[in-house]
């Protein structure tokens, strides 16, 4: 009896787990069936393609799919936007918006533009009425782009902004309920540029304000929105300047206008944020504020190579700043070490790379003449098949174990010998990986 009960329970469990007691072997090998809604949408798109259109997905920005879904009218149902190029048309670039009604897809609006391609698209609600505007970057020719912003109220397409641009970003820096657009324009030949801020008033009027980029700017590297100390918001722009440097411009909306809070009017650029060392801004302490690096040269020792530590500054909306951290960044091996305050002004570093698959940075104290005094710390980067064993041998301890690289350290001197605070726990806590977004030279 017990055996029968166990067998019956096992059979019931098998049915529950498989979800159906009568599934055939043929059913198990069938491909998943596409939904009716998908098939009907594909049919609507196929009608456009059959007329000679081809897909024309945006080439840049966050939204690069040839078919995108967005709730444009705020009713909780996402519309479908399909991007096409129709050759032979006066306005060949087309964004067709489809809506699902009665389980069928109908075209309800069409945005058309000239040019060779669609560079980027963004969605925003400028007057916070629940209906989203569509911002489209049209690629007109090499180096020439036009930004158009379209209102879609009542599914009527109305162009409310039309301007040339080098880059643009959606932001909210005027502390209104709606979103805004910051447009950046750059003249590489004149090494100058400007930012223009577009916002919409409650009655639907577009207002705009301008401010200068740093003089000498040659190319835009990164454009990001960020919070600032004190709670206001800003757009942070990093650019190449004067052939070899990087400069950071920070734009805020203050006193009813757009302002570059890091601009030094007498110099024509942001003196505090220009640097020849290739480090980008990042949130170094995890508080949601992008911090600006300021490189400081460490003492040159017998290796006769200059190394740098980075002082990181966070900014307030009025333009003041506060130092929030100091790090040593080893970009070659993709790691950084947050430096204790007591180390500042008392250390030098050098590189030792004599063994294959092993790269080493040595930290030393400096004597009163600025020369190397006592080696007190080695940080290793190990690669190769036996990296884990090497990283934990010879008195070393692991700082971080990556997919293809192991980082470890070794204390070369006791704390009593160097009068600097140091411990295994402190080093593990202060050590981190430099990810691609803040590696030198990457955009």
Protein backbone atom coordinates (compact mmCIF):
# COMPACT_ATOMS: atom_id res chain seq x y z
CA UNK A 1 0.00 0.00 0.00
CA UNK A 2 2.78 2.40 0.91
CA UNK A 3 4.52 1.64 -2.39
CA UNK A 4 1.29 2.41 -4.30
CA UNK A 5 0.80 5.72 -2.49
CA UNK A 6 4.42 6.74 -3.18
CA UNK A 7 4.03 5.84 -6.84
CA UNK A 8 0.80 7.84 -7.12
CA UNK A 9 2.37 10.88 -5.44
CA UNK A 10 5.34 10.66 -7.79
CA UNK A 11 3.03 10.61 -10.81
CA UNK A 12 1.11 13.67 -9.55
CA UNK A 13 4.36 15.55 -8.93
CA UNK A 14 5.53 14.70 -12.45
CA UNK A 15 2.29 16.12 -13.92
CA UNK A 16 2.60 19.32 -11.86
CA UNK A 17 6.23 19.84 -12.79
CA UNK A 18 5.69 19.29 -16.51
CA UNK A 19 2.52 21.42 -16.51
CA UNK A 20 0.57 18.99 -18.70
CA UNK A 21 0.06 15.27 -18.50
CA UNK A 22 -0.61 14.81 -22.20
CA UNK A 23 2.32 16.60 -23.87
CA UNK A 24 3.55 14.61 -26.87
CA UNK A 25 7.14 14.26 -28.02
CA UNK A 26 6.29 16.27 -31.17
CA UNK A 27 4.94 19.14 -29.05
CA UNK A 28 8.17 19.30 -27.09
CA UNK A 29 10.20 19.89 -30.29
CA UNK A 30 7.97 22.67 -31.71
CA UNK A 31 9.37 26.21 -31.88
CA UNK A 32 7.61 28.86 -29.74
CA UNK A 33 4.71 30.48 -31.60
CA UNK A 34 4.75 34.23 -32.21
CA UNK A 35 1.87 36.16 -30.67
CA UNK A 36 -1.00 37.50 -32.79
CA UNK A 37 -0.08 41.05 -31.79
CA UNK A 38 3.50 40.62 -32.98
CA UNK A 39 2.38 39.14 -36.30
CA UNK A 40 -0.03 42.02 -36.90
CA UNK A 41 2.65 44.58 -36.07
CA UNK A 42 5.05 42.85 -38.44
CA UNK A 43 2.38 42.97 -41.11
CA UNK A 44 1.98 46.73 -40.70
CA UNK A 45 5.74 47.22 -40.92
CA UNK A 46 6.00 44.91 -43.93
CA UNK A 47 3.56 47.16 -45.78
CA UNK A 48 6.02 50.05 -45.37
CA UNK A 49 9.02 47.92 -46.36
CA UNK A 50 7.22 46.65 -49.46
CA UNK A 51 6.97 50.24 -50.72
CA UNK A 52 10.77 50.44 -51.03
CA UNK A 53 11.64 51.53 -47.49
CA UNK A 54 14.57 50.13 -45.52
CA UNK A 55 15.23 50.27 -41.80
CA UNK A 56 17.22 53.35 -40.67
CA UNK A 57 18.05 52.81 -36.99
CA UNK A 58 19.61 55.73 -35.06
CA UNK A 59 23.41 55.46 -35.16
CA UNK A 60 24.18 56.99 -31.75
CA UNK A 61 22.68 57.59 -28.33
CA UNK A 62 20.90 55.23 -25.96
CA UNK A 63 18.04 54.35 -28.33
CA UNK A 64 19.49 52.61 -31.39
CA UNK A 65 16.90 49.96 -32.28
CA UNK A 66 15.09 50.20 -35.64
CA UNK A 67 11.81 49.47 -33.82
CA UNK A 68 11.24 51.06 -30.41
CA UNK A 69 8.38 51.05 -27.89
CA UNK A 70 7.53 54.15 -25.84
CA UNK A 71 4.41 55.34 -24.03
CA UNK A 72 4.16 58.73 -25.74
CA UNK A 73 0.71 59.86 -24.62
CA UNK A 74 0.90 58.71 -20.99
CA UNK A 75 -1.99 56.23 -21.11
CA UNK A 76 0.12 53.31 -19.92
CA UNK A 77 0.23 51.63 -23.34
CA UNK A 78 3.44 51.80 -25.35
CA UNK A 79 3.30 52.93 -28.95
CA UNK A 80 5.66 51.48 -31.57
CA UNK A 81 8.11 53.73 -33.42
CA UNK A 82 9.73 52.33 -36.57
CA UNK A 83 12.63 54.09 -38.31
CA UNK A 84 12.89 54.00 -42.12
CA UNK A 85 14.72 55.47 -45.09
CA UNK A 86 12.63 55.77 -48.25
CA UNK A 87 14.83 56.55 -51.24
CA UNK A 88 13.48 58.92 -53.86
CA UNK A 89 11.43 60.91 -51.37
CA UNK A 90 11.97 64.62 -50.70
CA UNK A 91 12.09 63.80 -46.98
CA UNK A 92 13.42 60.24 -47.03
CA UNK A 93 13.94 59.72 -43.30
CA UNK A 94 10.73 58.67 -41.60
CA UNK A 95 9.71 57.73 -38.07
CA UNK A 96 6.32 56.04 -38.24
CA UNK A 97 4.34 55.70 -35.01
CA UNK A 98 1.95 52.75 -34.73
CA UNK A 99 -0.79 52.31 -32.15
CA UNK A 100 -2.57 49.10 -31.18
CA UNK A 101 -6.32 49.53 -31.46
CA UNK A 102 -8.79 46.64 -31.45
CA UNK A 103 -5.87 44.22 -31.62
CA UNK A 104 -4.57 45.77 -34.84
CA UNK A 105 -1.72 48.23 -35.46
CA UNK A 106 -2.47 51.50 -37.21
CA UNK A 107 -0.21 54.39 -38.19
CA UNK A 108 -1.21 57.40 -36.09
CA UNK A 109 1.67 59.83 -36.75
CA UNK A 110 4.68 60.23 -38.99
CA UNK A 111 7.83 62.33 -38.42
CA UNK A 112 9.80 63.05 -41.60
CA UNK A 113 13.21 64.58 -42.11
CA UNK A 114 15.96 65.26 -44.59
CA UNK A 115 19.56 64.09 -44.49
CA UNK A 116 21.65 60.97 -44.80
CA UNK A 117 20.55 59.28 -41.59
CA UNK A 118 19.01 59.49 -38.15
CA UNK A 119 21.78 60.12 -35.67
CA UNK A 120 19.89 59.82 -32.38
CA UNK A 121 16.47 59.98 -30.77
CA UNK A 122 15.36 60.85 -27.23
CA UNK A 123 12.02 61.05 -25.46
CA UNK A 124 11.14 63.73 -22.90
CA UNK A 125 8.21 65.56 -21.33
CA UNK A 126 9.11 69.25 -21.49
CA UNK A 127 5.96 70.68 -19.89
CA UNK A 128 5.19 67.74 -17.54
CA UNK A 129 1.73 67.21 -19.02
CA UNK A 130 2.21 63.46 -19.43
CA UNK A 131 2.64 63.64 -23.22
CA UNK A 132 6.20 63.10 -24.34
CA UNK A 133 8.02 65.05 -27.00
CA UNK A 134 10.39 63.34 -29.43
CA UNK A 135 13.86 64.82 -30.01
CA UNK A 136 15.51 63.68 -33.26
CA UNK A 137 19.06 64.32 -34.39
CA UNK A 138 19.19 64.34 -38.20
CA UNK A 139 22.55 63.67 -39.88
CA UNK A 140 22.57 66.18 -42.75
CA UNK A 141 26.14 65.72 -44.03
CA UNK A 142 29.60 64.96 -42.69
CA UNK A 143 29.98 67.06 -39.54
CA UNK A 144 26.57 68.73 -39.90
CA UNK A 145 23.66 67.69 -37.69
CA UNK A 146 20.27 69.24 -36.98
CA UNK A 147 18.18 68.72 -33.86
CA UNK A 148 14.40 68.84 -34.15
CA UNK A 149 12.00 68.46 -31.24
CA UNK A 150 8.42 67.46 -32.04
CA UNK A 151 5.24 67.85 -30.03
CA UNK A 152 2.73 65.02 -30.52
CA UNK A 153 -0.33 66.39 -28.71
CA UNK A 154 -3.45 64.87 -30.27
CA UNK A 155 -1.08 62.94 -32.53
CA UNK A 156 -0.45 66.11 -34.50
CA UNK A 157 3.24 66.46 -35.33
CA UNK A 158 4.48 70.00 -34.59
CA UNK A 159 8.13 71.01 -34.68
CA UNK A 160 8.89 73.18 -31.63
CA UNK A 161 12.72 73.30 -31.79
CA UNK A 162 15.00 73.22 -34.83
CA UNK A 163 18.70 73.97 -34.45
CA UNK A 164 22.16 72.74 -35.41
CA UNK A 165 24.18 70.86 -32.83
CA UNK A 166 27.34 68.91 -32.13
CA UNK A 167 25.83 66.96 -29.23
CA UNK A 168 22.70 67.23 -27.12
CA UNK A 169 21.43 65.71 -23.89
CA UNK A 170 18.14 65.59 -22.01
CA UNK A 171 18.43 67.12 -18.54
CA UNK A 172 16.55 68.83 -15.72
CA UNK A 173 18.75 71.60 -14.41
CA UNK A 174 16.20 74.40 -13.90
CA UNK A 175 14.42 72.42 -11.15
CA UNK A 176 11.09 72.53 -13.00
CA UNK A 177 8.78 69.54 -13.31
CA UNK A 178 9.50 69.09 -17.01
CA UNK A 179 12.64 67.97 -18.82
CA UNK A 180 14.90 70.21 -20.89
CA UNK A 181 17.50 69.85 -23.61
CA UNK A 182 21.06 71.14 -23.50
CA UNK A 183 22.56 71.58 -26.97
CA UNK A 184 26.32 71.84 -27.48
CA UNK A 185 27.84 73.44 -30.56
CA UNK A 186 31.51 73.31 -31.40
CA UNK A 187 33.59 75.09 -34.00
CA UNK A 188 36.76 73.00 -34.31
CA UNK A 189 38.36 75.51 -36.68
CA UNK A 190 37.88 78.37 -34.23
CA UNK A 191 38.42 76.17 -31.14
CA UNK A 192 35.35 77.63 -29.46
CA UNK A 193 31.85 76.53 -28.61
CA UNK A 194 28.68 77.20 -26.68
CA UNK A 195 25.89 75.49 -24.79
CA UNK A 196 22.23 76.37 -25.30
CA UNK A 197 19.50 75.34 -22.86
CA UNK A 198 15.97 74.79 -24.20
CA UNK A 199 12.99 74.60 -21.81
CA UNK A 200 9.22 74.93 -22.10
CA UNK A 201 7.01 77.16 -19.97
CA UNK A 202 3.65 76.05 -18.58
CA UNK A 203 1.84 77.73 -21.48
CA UNK A 204 3.90 75.88 -24.07
CA UNK A 205 6.41 78.61 -24.96
CA UNK A 206 10.01 77.55 -25.72
CA UNK A 207 12.65 79.60 -23.89
CA UNK A 208 16.40 79.29 -24.39
CA UNK A 209 19.59 80.52 -22.73
CA UNK A 210 23.25 80.34 -23.81
CA UNK A 211 26.66 80.09 -22.14
CA UNK A 212 30.21 79.61 -23.44
CA UNK A 213 32.30 76.49 -23.49
CA UNK A 214 35.95 76.86 -22.56
CA UNK A 215 38.11 78.57 -25.17
CA UNK A 216 40.47 76.22 -26.96
CA UNK A 217 38.03 73.28 -26.96
CA UNK A 218 38.63 71.02 -29.96
CA UNK A 219 36.39 67.97 -29.47
CA UNK A 220 33.65 66.89 -27.09
CA UNK A 221 34.52 63.74 -25.17
CA UNK A 222 31.68 63.18 -22.70
CA UNK A 223 28.39 64.87 -21.83
CA UNK A 224 26.70 63.70 -18.63
CA UNK A 225 24.08 64.95 -16.18
CA UNK A 226 24.90 64.88 -12.48
CA UNK A 227 23.75 66.05 -9.09
CA UNK A 228 25.91 68.62 -7.33
CA UNK A 229 26.69 69.20 -3.67
CA UNK A 230 23.71 70.94 -2.13
CA UNK A 231 21.16 69.12 -4.27
CA UNK A 232 21.07 71.08 -7.54
CA UNK A 233 21.64 69.44 -10.94
CA UNK A 234 24.08 70.16 -13.75
CA UNK A 235 25.37 69.01 -17.11
CA UNK A 236 29.06 68.14 -17.02
CA UNK A 237 30.96 68.42 -20.32
CA UNK A 238 34.48 67.04 -20.83
CA UNK A 239 36.44 68.10 -23.92
CA UNK A 240 39.91 68.05 -25.38
CA UNK A 241 41.61 71.43 -25.20
CA UNK A 242 44.69 72.94 -26.85
CA UNK A 243 45.93 69.73 -28.40
CA UNK A 244 46.73 67.61 -25.37
CA UNK A 245 44.63 68.48 -22.35
CA UNK A 246 41.16 67.79 -20.98
CA UNK A 247 38.85 70.44 -19.56
CA UNK A 248 35.61 70.06 -17.64
CA UNK A 249 32.80 72.61 -18.02
CA UNK A 250 29.87 72.44 -15.58
CA UNK A 251 26.60 74.06 -16.68
CA UNK A 252 23.79 74.98 -14.29
CA UNK A 253 20.62 77.05 -14.54
CA UNK A 254 21.05 79.83 -12.00
CA UNK A 255 19.37 83.21 -11.51
CA UNK A 256 17.14 82.62 -14.52
CA UNK A 257 19.92 81.86 -17.00
CA UNK A 258 22.43 79.24 -18.07
CA UNK A 259 25.82 79.52 -16.36
CA UNK A 260 29.19 77.77 -16.72
CA UNK A 261 30.19 77.69 -13.05
CA UNK A 262 33.77 76.57 -13.69
CA UNK A 263 34.56 79.26 -16.27
CA UNK A 264 37.37 81.69 -15.48
CA UNK A 265 36.38 84.70 -17.57
CA UNK A 266 39.88 86.22 -17.58
CA UNK A 267 41.49 83.00 -18.87
CA UNK A 268 38.62 81.96 -21.13
CA UNK A 269 38.59 78.42 -19.77
CA UNK A 270 38.11 76.57 -16.51
CA UNK A 271 41.49 76.93 -14.82
CA UNK A 272 40.52 74.64 -11.94
CA UNK A 273 39.33 71.81 -14.20
CA UNK A 274 41.89 71.80 -17.03
CA UNK A 275 44.51 69.05 -16.89
CA UNK A 276 47.14 67.47 -19.09
CA UNK A 277 46.75 64.11 -17.36
CA UNK A 278 44.08 62.02 -19.09
CA UNK A 279 41.60 61.24 -16.30
CA UNK A 280 37.84 61.62 -16.57
CA UNK A 281 35.29 62.69 -13.99
CA UNK A 282 33.61 59.98 -11.92
CA UNK A 283 31.66 59.50 -8.73
CA UNK A 284 34.67 58.57 -6.64
CA UNK A 285 32.90 58.21 -3.28
CA UNK A 286 29.50 56.90 -4.38
CA UNK A 287 27.39 59.87 -3.29
CA UNK A 288 25.78 60.46 -6.70
CA UNK A 289 27.95 63.48 -7.56
CA UNK A 290 30.45 63.33 -10.43
CA UNK A 291 33.82 64.47 -9.09
CA UNK A 292 36.47 66.34 -11.09
CA UNK A 293 40.08 65.02 -10.95
CA UNK A 294 43.04 67.30 -10.33
CA UNK A 295 46.41 65.59 -10.93
CA UNK A 296 49.27 66.25 -8.51
CA UNK A 297 52.78 65.04 -9.35
CA UNK A 298 54.44 62.70 -6.88
CA UNK A 299 58.18 63.12 -6.14
CA UNK A 300 60.45 61.85 -8.91
CA UNK A 301 62.80 59.15 -7.63
CA UNK A 302 65.68 57.25 -9.25
CA UNK A 303 63.41 55.87 -11.98
CA UNK A 304 63.17 59.45 -13.30
CA UNK A 305 59.50 58.99 -14.26
CA UNK A 306 56.72 61.27 -13.05
CA UNK A 307 53.74 59.59 -11.41
CA UNK A 308 50.57 61.33 -10.30
CA UNK A 309 47.98 61.09 -7.61
CA UNK A 310 44.51 62.48 -8.25
CA UNK A 311 42.72 64.89 -5.96
CA UNK A 312 38.95 64.68 -6.56
CA UNK A 313 36.69 67.72 -6.16
CA UNK A 314 32.89 67.87 -5.97
CA UNK A 315 31.16 71.13 -6.93
CA UNK A 316 28.31 73.20 -5.54
CA UNK A 317 25.79 74.94 -7.77
CA UNK A 318 27.29 78.37 -7.02
CA UNK A 319 30.73 77.27 -8.27
CA UNK A 320 32.55 76.41 -5.06
CA UNK A 321 34.13 73.01 -4.59
CA UNK A 322 35.21 70.59 -1.87
CA UNK A 323 37.88 67.90 -2.05
CA UNK A 324 36.30 64.50 -1.41
CA UNK A 325 39.10 61.97 -2.03
CA UNK A 326 42.67 61.36 -3.17
CA UNK A 327 43.64 58.31 -5.22
CA UNK A 328 46.61 56.77 -6.98
CA UNK A 329 45.38 55.50 -10.37
CA UNK A 330 47.36 52.84 -12.22
CA UNK A 331 45.69 53.08 -15.64
CA UNK A 332 48.13 50.66 -17.27
CA UNK A 333 46.99 47.83 -14.99
CA UNK A 334 43.42 49.14 -14.45
CA UNK A 335 43.42 49.58 -10.66
CA UNK A 336 43.31 52.41 -8.16
CA UNK A 337 44.04 52.88 -4.47
CA UNK A 338 42.31 55.45 -2.29
CA UNK A 339 45.09 57.12 -0.33
CA UNK A 340 44.74 57.78 3.41
CA UNK A 341 45.11 61.43 4.35
CA UNK A 342 48.26 60.67 6.37
CA UNK A 343 50.01 59.38 3.23
CA UNK A 344 49.65 62.63 1.29
CA UNK A 345 52.99 64.35 0.85
CA UNK A 346 54.93 61.42 2.25
CA UNK A 347 55.01 58.82 -0.54
CA UNK A 348 56.57 58.11 -3.92
CA UNK A 349 55.88 55.27 -6.36
CA UNK A 350 57.81 53.38 -9.01
CA UNK A 351 57.16 50.50 -11.39
CA UNK A 352 59.01 47.17 -11.55
CA UNK A 353 58.13 44.85 -14.46
CA UNK A 354 60.94 42.32 -14.66
CA UNK A 355 58.91 39.10 -14.62
CA UNK A 356 56.55 37.88 -17.36
CA UNK A 357 52.91 37.96 -16.29
CA UNK A 358 53.73 40.04 -13.20
CA UNK A 359 53.58 43.84 -12.95
CA UNK A 360 54.43 45.65 -9.75
CA UNK A 361 54.02 49.12 -8.26
CA UNK A 362 56.20 49.88 -5.23
CA UNK A 363 55.15 52.52 -2.68
CA UNK A 364 57.95 54.20 -0.71
CA UNK A 365 58.25 56.86 1.91
CA UNK A 366 60.27 59.94 0.94
CA UNK A 367 63.12 61.47 2.91
CA UNK A 368 63.57 65.15 3.72
CA UNK A 369 65.30 65.71 0.36
CA UNK A 370 62.41 64.22 -1.58
CA UNK A 371 64.20 60.97 -2.42
CA UNK A 372 63.09 57.40 -1.81
CA UNK A 373 63.47 56.31 1.80
CA UNK A 374 61.74 53.01 2.76
CA UNK A 375 59.80 50.68 0.47
CA UNK A 376 56.68 49.77 2.45
CA UNK A 377 54.11 48.37 -0.02
CA UNK A 378 54.01 46.42 -3.29
CA UNK A 379 50.85 45.97 -5.34
CA UNK A 380 50.99 43.23 -7.98
CA UNK A 381 49.01 42.53 -11.14
CA UNK A 382 49.18 38.84 -12.10
CA UNK A 383 48.07 37.28 -15.37
CA UNK A 384 48.60 33.81 -16.81
CA UNK A 385 47.54 30.30 -15.86
CA UNK A 386 49.15 30.19 -12.41
CA UNK A 387 48.16 33.72 -11.41
CA UNK A 388 46.14 32.66 -8.35
CA UNK A 389 49.03 30.68 -6.85
CA UNK A 390 51.57 33.46 -7.46
CA UNK A 391 49.24 36.12 -6.04
CA UNK A 392 49.03 34.29 -2.69
CA UNK A 393 52.67 33.21 -2.34
CA UNK A 394 55.72 34.81 -0.78
CA UNK A 395 53.83 36.77 1.86
CA UNK A 396 51.36 38.28 -0.60
CA UNK A 397 47.60 38.55 0.02
CA UNK A 398 44.86 38.92 -2.57
CA UNK A 399 43.21 42.30 -3.00
CA UNK A 400 40.82 41.32 -5.79
CA UNK A 401 40.34 38.26 -7.97
CA UNK A 402 39.17 39.12 -11.50
CA UNK A 403 38.20 36.95 -14.43
CA UNK A 404 41.63 37.01 -16.07
CA UNK A 405 43.69 39.00 -13.56
CA UNK A 406 44.48 38.69 -9.87
CA UNK A 407 45.60 41.71 -7.84
CA UNK A 408 47.54 41.20 -4.65
CA UNK A 409 49.74 43.13 -2.22
CA UNK A 410 52.63 42.63 0.13
CA UNK A 411 53.62 44.72 3.14
CA UNK A 412 57.33 45.42 2.83
CA UNK A 413 57.70 47.23 6.15
CA UNK A 414 55.94 47.37 9.48
CA UNK A 415 53.82 50.35 10.39
CA UNK A 416 56.31 51.24 13.16
CA UNK A 417 59.08 51.54 10.54
CA UNK A 418 57.30 54.05 8.34
CA UNK A 419 54.98 56.01 10.69
CA UNK A 420 52.13 55.68 8.15
CA UNK A 421 48.84 53.89 8.83
CA UNK A 422 48.65 50.64 6.86
CA UNK A 423 47.01 47.24 7.23
CA UNK A 424 45.71 44.41 5.09
CA UNK A 425 42.11 45.36 5.86
CA UNK A 426 42.66 49.01 4.90
CA UNK A 427 44.30 48.09 1.60
CA UNK A 428 41.52 45.66 0.62
CA UNK A 429 38.87 48.27 1.44
CA UNK A 430 40.66 51.08 -0.44
CA UNK A 431 41.54 49.04 -3.54
CA UNK A 432 39.35 49.05 -6.65
CA UNK A 433 39.23 48.32 -10.37
CA UNK A 434 39.31 51.04 -13.03
CA UNK A 435 36.52 50.15 -15.41
CA UNK A 436 36.46 51.21 -19.05
CA UNK A 437 34.44 54.40 -18.53
CA UNK A 438 37.31 56.06 -16.71
CA UNK A 439 40.29 54.63 -18.51
CA UNK A 440 42.46 57.25 -20.20
CA UNK A 441 41.57 57.92 -23.80
CA UNK A 442 38.17 56.23 -23.87
CA UNK A 443 35.02 58.16 -24.55
